[in-house]
Amino acid sequence: MPTRLRIDAIDAFFRIDQSMEEKNSATSSRVRKVNRNTPAARWNLEISRRIRRALDKDPEADITALLPSTYSKQLRSMKTSVTPQQSISNQGAKPTQLSQHHYDIRSQLDASKNLAIISEPSPTLQALFPSKDLSHAIVDLLEQGRVLYNSPSTIVLGVHDTIAAKITHENLTTEQATLSYLQRQLPNLPIPRPHGLVRLGTFYILFTSLIPGVSLDKIWSRLEESQKQDISYQLDYIFSKLRSLPFPDHHLIGGVDREGCKDIRRNVRTNFEPIERVKQFEDFIFTGSIIASPLYVDLLRSFAQGFQSKCVFTHGDVRPANIMMDKAGDGNWKVVAIIDWDASGFYPEYWECVKVTNNLTSRETCDWYKYVPKSLSPQRYPIQWLVDRVWDRDMINS
């Protein structure tokens, strides 16, 4: 997108954000009222808020770099979406009624688009498909699913008593590869089991086992201190097991299927070039700014000089929303699954301890960060953690 158009678009975002946050007033007019609940409007609002937060953090940030690379594509897709009363299937199934307040990404699925099978559907999943065209069978199955999570870019559905589906424009090959890898290496690790990955048009659809329970962020504020500590112990055991996986000889740093390295902050930054050594990974991290001078970069990097880091298996986005809990018969809460493995792979041992505070701000009040599992505590690698907190302010994806 040309710079002038990007700036005009951002200016429009702020006007949308301001008007949507004003109270609705009862006015009479012959002019058609603007619909601020369309998918495109809500997407613009979300983007404008991201930009506002980034500018609050750094008023001199390059605002043209704050737009997601897929912004225009997703906006066009949302502006041409079918109406809420239309079925996503075109096969005569009952129309899916979508709330006017929530965009449902299923409205964009088109069974006539090219279907690519990235990972074969499991026998359990195949049993849910009738003997007809696979594209239409998948779309029909998704249409009937119940919503477990929904955002403008991703939806998670329960499509069967034992199977969930995640639909997004984002590439889900890392998550699929990790789930398959960990199922082989640590079969008792509490994670979803993979059931297949396909790409339909521009959408990735990942099928996994459905995890019963509730995410930790939904219950954390109601827990007693002893319960929080017990959950921290459970998580420490799980992640200690994960981090004990040996880094295979000649394996690249990053995703287990050579998908490259990801640095998830406010946005995702990916390196697709082969990275074999920790220094190369750190080169990738410290080239993530367009404003920092070489002098400043060298000074920051000098604080961690001499530290020899090995690589361990890393989740990359450990937070309460990605921890599924269930209440046992004795009333105690049990960790039943760690979900959302999109940023996972083999990374330097300090990386998980840096990323576990990705959402921590100076105004944070949630005491989750007091109970971060010991194996993931930033206190294990204080220099790397502090350097990243300073460097984060200048990152193009922060």
Protein backbone atom coordinates (compact mmCIF):
# COMPACT_ATOMS: atom_id res chain seq x y z
CA MET A 1 0.00 0.00 0.00
CA PRO A 2 1.48 3.44 -0.89
CA THR A 3 2.61 5.44 2.15
CA ARG A 4 0.12 8.26 1.51
CA LEU A 5 -2.79 5.82 1.38
CA ARG A 6 -1.56 4.05 4.52
CA ILE A 7 -1.45 7.32 6.43
CA ASP A 8 -4.90 8.30 5.16
CA ALA A 9 -6.21 4.91 6.26
CA ILE A 10 -4.71 5.27 9.72
CA ASP A 11 -6.22 8.74 10.05
CA ALA A 12 -9.58 7.22 9.15
CA PHE A 13 -9.09 4.51 11.78
CA PHE A 14 -8.73 7.08 14.52
CA ARG A 15 -11.91 8.84 13.43
CA ILE A 16 -13.75 5.50 13.49
CA ASP A 17 -12.33 4.65 16.90
CA GLN A 18 -13.37 7.98 18.37
CA SER A 19 -16.88 7.90 16.95
CA MET A 20 -17.50 4.29 17.98
CA GLU A 21 -16.54 5.03 21.55
CA GLU A 22 -18.96 7.96 21.84
CA LYS A 23 -22.36 7.30 23.34
CA ASN A 24 -25.18 6.72 20.88
CA SER A 25 -27.63 9.59 20.80
CA ALA A 26 -31.22 9.46 19.60
CA THR A 27 -31.28 11.71 16.56
CA SER A 28 -33.65 11.89 13.63
CA SER A 29 -32.26 12.17 10.14
CA ARG A 30 -33.15 11.17 6.62
CA VAL A 31 -29.53 10.20 6.05
CA ARG A 32 -28.91 6.45 6.32
CA LYS A 33 -27.21 5.62 9.61
CA VAL A 34 -23.68 4.27 9.40
CA ASN A 35 -23.43 0.62 10.40
CA ARG A 36 -20.52 0.41 12.80
CA ASN A 37 -20.96 -3.30 13.46
CA THR A 38 -19.97 -4.63 10.06
CA PRO A 39 -16.97 -6.99 9.93
CA ALA A 40 -14.89 -4.35 8.13
CA ALA A 41 -15.77 -1.63 10.64
CA ARG A 42 -14.94 -3.83 13.61
CA TRP A 43 -11.67 -4.89 11.98
CA ASN A 44 -10.72 -1.23 11.43
CA LEU A 45 -11.58 -0.47 15.05
CA GLU A 46 -9.35 -3.27 16.30
CA ILE A 47 -6.46 -2.09 14.12
CA SER A 48 -6.90 1.53 15.22
CA ARG A 49 -6.73 0.51 18.86
CA ARG A 50 -3.54 -1.45 18.24
CA ILE A 51 -2.01 1.63 16.63
CA ARG A 52 -3.15 3.85 19.48
CA ARG A 53 -1.51 1.53 22.01
CA ALA A 54 1.69 1.46 19.96
CA LEU A 55 1.80 5.27 19.74
CA ASP A 56 1.13 5.57 23.46
CA LYS A 57 4.20 3.41 23.94
CA ASP A 58 6.32 5.24 21.37
CA PRO A 59 4.90 8.53 20.00
CA GLU A 60 7.63 8.56 17.34
CA ALA A 61 6.84 5.09 15.99
CA ASP A 62 6.64 4.61 12.23
CA ILE A 63 2.88 4.29 11.85
CA THR A 64 3.16 2.90 8.33
CA ALA A 65 4.91 -0.14 9.83
CA LEU A 66 2.15 -0.76 12.36
CA LEU A 67 -0.39 -2.05 9.87
CA PRO A 68 -0.41 -5.86 9.49
CA SER A 69 0.96 -6.99 6.14
CA THR A 70 -2.40 -8.67 5.43
CA TYR A 71 -4.49 -5.63 6.38
CA SER A 72 -5.75 -4.66 2.91
CA LYS A 73 -6.42 -8.26 1.92
CA GLN A 74 -8.44 -8.95 5.06
CA LEU A 75 -10.36 -5.68 4.81
CA ARG A 76 -11.36 -6.40 1.21
CA SER A 77 -12.41 -9.89 2.23
CA MET A 78 -14.60 -8.58 5.03
CA LYS A 79 -16.19 -5.87 2.90
CA THR A 80 -17.28 -8.45 0.34
CA SER A 81 -18.48 -11.02 2.88
CA VAL A 82 -21.87 -12.66 2.59
CA THR A 83 -24.66 -11.29 4.73
CA PRO A 84 -25.34 -12.86 8.14
CA GLN A 85 -28.45 -14.57 6.84
CA GLN A 86 -26.57 -16.45 4.13
CA SER A 87 -25.31 -19.98 4.61
CA ILE A 88 -21.59 -20.58 4.28
CA SER A 89 -22.23 -23.69 2.30
CA ASN A 90 -24.46 -23.11 -0.79
CA GLN A 91 -25.50 -26.75 -0.48
CA GLY A 92 -29.02 -26.22 0.81
CA ALA A 93 -28.15 -26.51 4.49
CA LYS A 94 -29.92 -24.36 7.03
CA PRO A 95 -28.62 -20.78 7.07
CA THR A 96 -26.30 -19.97 9.94
CA GLN A 97 -27.57 -17.01 11.94
CA LEU A 98 -24.61 -14.82 12.86
CA SER A 99 -24.85 -12.07 15.43
CA GLN A 100 -24.71 -8.62 13.89
CA HIS A 101 -22.18 -7.70 16.57
CA HIS A 102 -19.66 -10.46 15.82
CA TYR A 103 -17.93 -11.24 12.56
CA ASP A 104 -17.86 -14.97 11.87
CA ILE A 105 -14.97 -15.95 9.63
CA ARG A 106 -17.00 -18.93 8.37
CA SER A 107 -18.98 -16.51 6.22
CA GLN A 108 -15.88 -16.25 4.02
CA LEU A 109 -15.42 -19.97 3.39
CA ASP A 110 -16.07 -21.05 -0.18
CA ALA A 111 -16.23 -24.76 -0.95
CA SER A 112 -15.46 -24.06 -4.61
CA LYS A 113 -11.97 -22.77 -3.75
CA ASN A 114 -8.91 -24.96 -4.06
CA LEU A 115 -8.47 -27.42 -1.19
CA ALA A 116 -4.94 -28.42 -0.19
CA ILE A 117 -4.43 -31.24 2.32
CA ILE A 118 -1.36 -30.35 4.37
CA SER A 119 -1.77 -33.11 6.96
CA GLU A 120 -4.11 -36.02 6.28
CA PRO A 121 -7.37 -36.07 8.27
CA SER A 122 -7.34 -38.70 11.01
CA PRO A 123 -9.72 -41.68 10.78
CA THR A 124 -11.80 -40.08 13.54
CA LEU A 125 -12.18 -36.91 11.50
CA GLN A 126 -12.78 -38.75 8.22
CA ALA A 127 -15.67 -40.58 9.85
CA LEU A 128 -17.47 -37.22 10.18
CA PHE A 129 -17.40 -36.62 6.44
CA PRO A 130 -20.16 -38.17 4.32
CA SER A 131 -19.21 -39.73 1.00
CA LYS A 132 -19.16 -36.52 -1.03
CA ASP A 133 -16.76 -33.81 -2.13
CA LEU A 134 -14.32 -33.16 0.73
CA SER A 135 -14.40 -29.37 0.41
CA HIS A 136 -18.16 -29.24 0.81
CA ALA A 137 -18.06 -31.83 3.59
CA ILE A 138 -15.57 -29.72 5.55
CA VAL A 139 -17.53 -26.50 5.05
CA ASP A 140 -20.77 -28.19 6.08
CA LEU A 141 -19.13 -29.61 9.21
CA LEU A 142 -17.77 -26.20 10.18
CA GLU A 143 -21.11 -24.54 9.56
CA GLN A 144 -22.72 -26.70 12.24
CA GLY A 145 -19.92 -26.14 14.78
CA ARG A 146 -20.43 -24.28 18.04
CA VAL A 147 -18.25 -21.25 18.64
CA LEU A 148 -15.62 -21.67 21.36
CA TYR A 149 -13.59 -18.56 20.52
CA ASN A 150 -14.12 -15.79 17.99
CA SER A 151 -12.14 -12.78 16.79
CA PRO A 152 -11.96 -10.87 13.49
CA SER A 153 -9.06 -13.06 12.34
CA THR A 154 -9.61 -16.45 14.01
CA ILE A 155 -12.46 -18.68 15.10
CA VAL A 156 -12.32 -21.92 17.10
CA LEU A 157 -15.24 -24.33 16.85
CA GLY A 158 -16.39 -27.50 18.49
CA VAL A 159 -17.36 -29.61 15.47
CA HIS A 160 -17.88 -32.89 17.35
CA ASP A 161 -17.88 -34.12 20.93
CA THR A 162 -14.17 -34.86 20.61
CA ILE A 163 -12.89 -32.58 17.81
CA ALA A 164 -12.24 -28.85 17.54
CA ALA A 165 -11.38 -26.75 14.48
CA LYS A 166 -9.38 -23.53 14.23
CA ILE A 167 -9.93 -21.35 11.14
CA THR A 168 -7.65 -18.43 10.28
CA HIS A 169 -5.70 -16.73 7.50
CA GLU A 170 -2.52 -17.34 9.49
CA ASN A 171 -0.33 -20.28 8.51
CA LEU A 172 -0.96 -23.09 11.02
CA THR A 173 1.74 -25.48 9.85
CA THR A 174 3.91 -24.77 12.91
CA GLU A 175 1.12 -25.67 15.31
CA GLN A 176 0.24 -28.84 13.40
CA ALA A 177 3.89 -29.91 13.18
CA THR A 178 4.46 -29.28 16.88
CA LEU A 179 1.39 -31.22 18.00
CA SER A 180 2.47 -34.18 15.87
CA TYR A 181 6.08 -33.96 17.11
CA LEU A 182 5.13 -33.77 20.78
CA GLN A 183 2.64 -36.61 20.42
CA ARG A 184 5.57 -38.80 19.36
CA GLN A 185 8.16 -37.44 21.80
CA LEU A 186 6.02 -36.84 24.91
CA PRO A 187 2.79 -38.81 24.45
CA ASN A 188 1.58 -38.02 27.98
CA LEU A 189 2.03 -34.27 27.69
CA PRO A 190 -1.36 -32.52 28.15
CA ILE A 191 -1.86 -31.00 24.71
CA PRO A 192 -4.48 -31.33 21.95
CA ARG A 193 -4.02 -34.26 19.57
CA PRO A 194 -3.75 -33.35 15.87
CA HIS A 195 -6.48 -34.57 13.52
CA GLY A 196 -5.47 -32.90 10.27
CA LEU A 197 -4.67 -29.60 8.57
CA VAL A 198 -6.07 -28.27 5.29
CA ARG A 199 -6.00 -25.00 3.40
CA LEU A 200 -9.22 -23.93 1.70
CA GLY A 201 -8.58 -20.94 -0.51
CA THR A 202 -6.68 -18.54 1.75
CA PHE A 203 -7.89 -20.11 5.00
CA TYR A 204 -6.03 -22.65 7.12
CA ILE A 205 -8.23 -25.11 9.04
CA LEU A 206 -6.60 -27.09 11.84
CA PHE A 207 -8.48 -29.99 13.43
CA THR A 208 -7.46 -31.15 16.91
CA SER A 209 -8.94 -32.99 19.85
CA LEU A 210 -11.48 -30.93 21.76
CA ILE A 211 -10.25 -30.08 25.25
CA PRO A 212 -13.01 -29.87 27.88
CA GLY A 213 -12.72 -27.28 30.59
CA VAL A 214 -12.14 -23.55 30.94
CA SER A 215 -9.12 -21.36 30.26
CA LEU A 216 -7.14 -20.26 33.30
CA ASP A 217 -7.73 -16.55 32.65
CA LYS A 218 -11.46 -17.09 33.25
CA ILE A 219 -10.99 -18.43 36.79
CA TRP A 220 -7.73 -16.93 38.01
CA SER A 221 -9.23 -13.99 39.92
CA ARG A 222 -11.43 -16.36 41.95
CA LEU A 223 -8.65 -18.68 43.08
CA GLU A 224 -7.13 -18.82 46.53
CA GLU A 225 -3.38 -18.35 46.93
CA SER A 226 -2.89 -22.05 47.63
CA GLN A 227 -4.75 -22.95 44.42
CA LYS A 228 -2.63 -20.56 42.38
CA GLN A 229 0.52 -22.06 43.83
CA ASP A 230 -0.67 -25.59 43.09
CA ILE A 231 -1.39 -24.66 39.46
CA SER A 232 2.07 -23.10 39.22
CA TYR A 233 3.60 -26.39 40.42
CA GLN A 234 1.60 -28.36 37.84
CA LEU A 235 2.75 -26.05 35.06
CA ASP A 236 6.35 -26.21 36.21
CA TYR A 237 6.28 -30.00 35.94
CA ILE A 238 4.78 -29.82 32.42
CA PHE A 239 7.22 -27.23 31.09
CA SER A 240 10.22 -28.87 32.73
CA LYS A 241 9.34 -32.01 30.77
CA LEU A 242 8.98 -29.97 27.59
CA ARG A 243 12.30 -28.20 28.10
CA SER A 244 14.06 -31.52 28.71
CA LEU A 245 13.56 -32.62 25.09
CA PRO A 246 16.99 -32.90 23.45
CA PHE A 247 17.77 -30.50 20.63
CA PRO A 248 18.38 -32.85 17.67
CA ASP A 249 21.72 -32.74 15.92
CA HIS A 250 21.74 -30.56 12.79
CA HIS A 251 18.27 -29.25 13.66
CA LEU A 252 17.48 -25.63 12.81
CA ILE A 253 16.35 -23.18 15.47
CA GLY A 254 12.62 -22.48 15.23
CA GLY A 255 9.71 -24.67 14.17
CA VAL A 256 10.21 -28.44 14.18
CA ASP A 257 9.39 -28.71 10.48
CA ARG A 258 11.85 -26.02 9.32
CA GLU A 259 9.19 -23.28 9.31
CA GLY A 260 11.64 -20.65 10.51
CA CYS A 261 11.74 -18.51 13.65
CA LYS A 262 8.87 -16.37 14.92
CA ASP A 263 9.00 -13.36 17.22
CA ILE A 264 5.48 -12.65 18.44
CA ARG A 265 4.92 -9.28 20.04
CA ARG A 266 2.07 -6.98 19.01
CA ASN A 267 2.53 -8.45 15.55
CA VAL A 268 4.45 -11.48 14.27
CA ARG A 269 7.86 -11.19 12.69
CA THR A 270 9.16 -14.29 10.92
CA ASN A 271 12.56 -15.30 9.62
CA PHE A 272 12.50 -17.93 6.89
CA GLU A 273 16.25 -18.18 6.36
CA PRO A 274 17.91 -21.18 8.05
CA ILE A 275 19.13 -20.34 11.56
CA GLU A 276 21.55 -22.89 12.98
CA ARG A 277 23.16 -21.06 15.91
CA VAL A 278 21.95 -18.91 18.80
CA LYS A 279 24.02 -15.97 17.55
CA GLN A 280 22.16 -16.07 14.23
CA PHE A 281 18.87 -16.07 16.12
CA GLU A 282 19.97 -13.04 18.13
CA ASP A 283 21.04 -11.35 14.88
CA PHE A 284 17.46 -11.87 13.68
CA ILE A 285 16.03 -10.33 16.86
CA PHE A 286 18.37 -7.35 16.83
CA THR A 287 17.66 -6.49 13.19
CA GLY A 288 14.01 -5.95 14.08
CA SER A 289 14.23 -2.16 14.30
CA ILE A 290 14.47 0.48 11.60
CA ILE A 291 15.31 3.32 13.99
CA ALA A 292 17.93 1.91 16.37
CA SER A 293 21.53 2.88 15.62
CA PRO A 294 24.32 0.28 15.37
CA LEU A 295 25.92 1.88 18.43
CA TYR A 296 22.75 1.38 20.48
CA VAL A 297 22.30 -2.21 19.27
CA ASP A 298 25.90 -3.11 20.09
CA LEU A 299 25.55 -1.62 23.57
CA LEU A 300 22.44 -3.66 24.35
CA ARG A 301 23.94 -6.87 23.01
CA SER A 302 27.09 -6.37 25.05
CA PHE A 303 25.20 -6.95 28.31
CA ALA A 304 24.66 -10.62 27.47
CA GLN A 305 28.07 -11.29 25.94
CA GLY A 306 29.68 -14.49 27.12
CA PHE A 307 26.41 -16.25 27.94
CA GLN A 308 26.34 -19.66 26.27
CA SER A 309 22.73 -20.65 25.62
CA LYS A 310 21.53 -24.08 24.62
CA CYS A 311 18.25 -24.62 22.76
CA VAL A 312 15.20 -26.15 24.41
CA PHE A 313 11.66 -26.83 23.28
CA THR A 314 9.60 -23.69 23.72
CA HIS A 315 5.88 -22.90 23.60
CA GLY A 316 6.44 -19.21 22.91
CA ASP A 317 3.14 -17.80 24.19
CA VAL A 318 2.55 -19.08 27.72
CA ARG A 319 -0.29 -17.12 29.31
CA PRO A 320 -3.48 -17.99 31.21
CA ALA A 321 -5.65 -17.86 28.07
CA ASN A 322 -3.61 -20.75 26.62
CA ILE A 323 -3.89 -22.98 29.70
CA MET A 324 -6.98 -25.16 29.93
CA MET A 325 -8.26 -26.18 33.37
CA ASP A 326 -10.81 -28.63 34.73
CA LYS A 327 -12.13 -29.05 38.25
CA ALA A 328 -11.51 -32.51 39.68
CA GLY A 329 -13.94 -34.42 41.86
CA ASP A 330 -12.05 -33.35 44.98
CA GLY A 331 -12.57 -29.69 44.09
CA ASN A 332 -8.98 -29.07 42.98
CA TRP A 333 -8.20 -27.48 39.64
CA LYS A 334 -6.14 -29.55 37.22
CA VAL A 335 -4.22 -28.42 34.14
CA VAL A 336 -5.72 -30.47 31.31
CA ALA A 337 -4.01 -28.92 28.28
CA ILE A 338 -1.65 -26.27 26.97
CA ILE A 339 -3.05 -24.89 23.71
CA ASP A 340 -2.06 -22.53 20.88
CA TRP A 341 1.38 -23.78 19.78
CA ASP A 342 1.79 -21.42 16.82
CA ALA A 343 5.00 -19.85 18.17
CA SER A 344 6.60 -23.10 19.31
CA GLY A 345 9.81 -24.88 18.42
CA PHE A 346 13.41 -25.12 19.56
CA TYR A 347 14.65 -21.74 20.77
CA PRO A 348 17.39 -20.44 23.11
CA GLU A 349 16.69 -21.52 26.69
CA TYR A 350 15.98 -17.95 27.84
CA TRP A 351 13.40 -17.25 25.11
CA GLU A 352 10.38 -18.76 26.93
CA CYS A 353 11.27 -16.76 30.04
CA VAL A 354 11.33 -13.58 27.94
CA LYS A 355 8.07 -14.29 26.09
CA VAL A 356 6.10 -15.34 29.19
CA THR A 357 5.74 -11.63 30.05
CA ASN A 358 4.80 -10.56 26.52
CA ASN A 359 1.56 -8.97 27.76
CA LEU A 360 3.00 -7.47 30.95
CA THR A 361 2.81 -3.67 31.18
CA SER A 362 3.71 -1.18 33.89
CA ARG A 363 0.00 -0.92 34.74
CA GLU A 364 -0.56 -4.67 35.18
CA THR A 365 -2.63 -5.69 38.23
CA CYS A 366 -3.13 -9.42 37.62
CA ASP A 367 -0.90 -11.40 39.98
CA TRP A 368 -0.45 -14.28 37.50
CA TYR A 369 3.10 -13.03 36.99
CA LYS A 370 3.89 -13.79 40.66
CA TYR A 371 3.06 -17.45 40.01
CA VAL A 372 4.78 -18.00 36.66
CA PRO A 373 6.25 -21.53 36.81
CA LYS A 374 9.77 -21.59 38.20
CA SER A 375 11.20 -23.16 35.04
CA LEU A 376 9.87 -20.20 33.02
CA SER A 377 10.59 -17.38 35.45
CA PRO A 378 12.32 -14.28 34.01
CA GLN A 379 14.47 -14.34 37.15
CA ARG A 380 16.35 -17.29 35.64
CA TYR A 381 17.68 -15.04 32.87
CA PRO A 382 17.39 -11.47 34.22
CA ILE A 383 19.87 -9.89 31.80
CA GLN A 384 18.22 -11.34 28.68
CA TRP A 385 14.81 -10.39 30.03
CA LEU A 386 15.76 -6.79 30.81
CA VAL A 387 17.58 -6.31 27.51
CA ASP A 388 14.53 -7.53 25.60
CA ARG A 389 12.23 -5.19 27.56
CA VAL A 390 14.41 -2.26 26.54
CA TRP A 391 14.79 -3.44 22.94
CA ASP A 392 11.05 -4.10 22.60
CA ARG A 393 10.30 -0.38 22.44
CA ASP A 394 12.13 -0.05 19.11
CA MET A 395 10.88 -3.23 17.42
CA ILE A 396 8.86 -2.82 14.24
CA ASN A 397 6.45 -5.56 15.36
CA SER A 398 5.99 -4.29 18.92
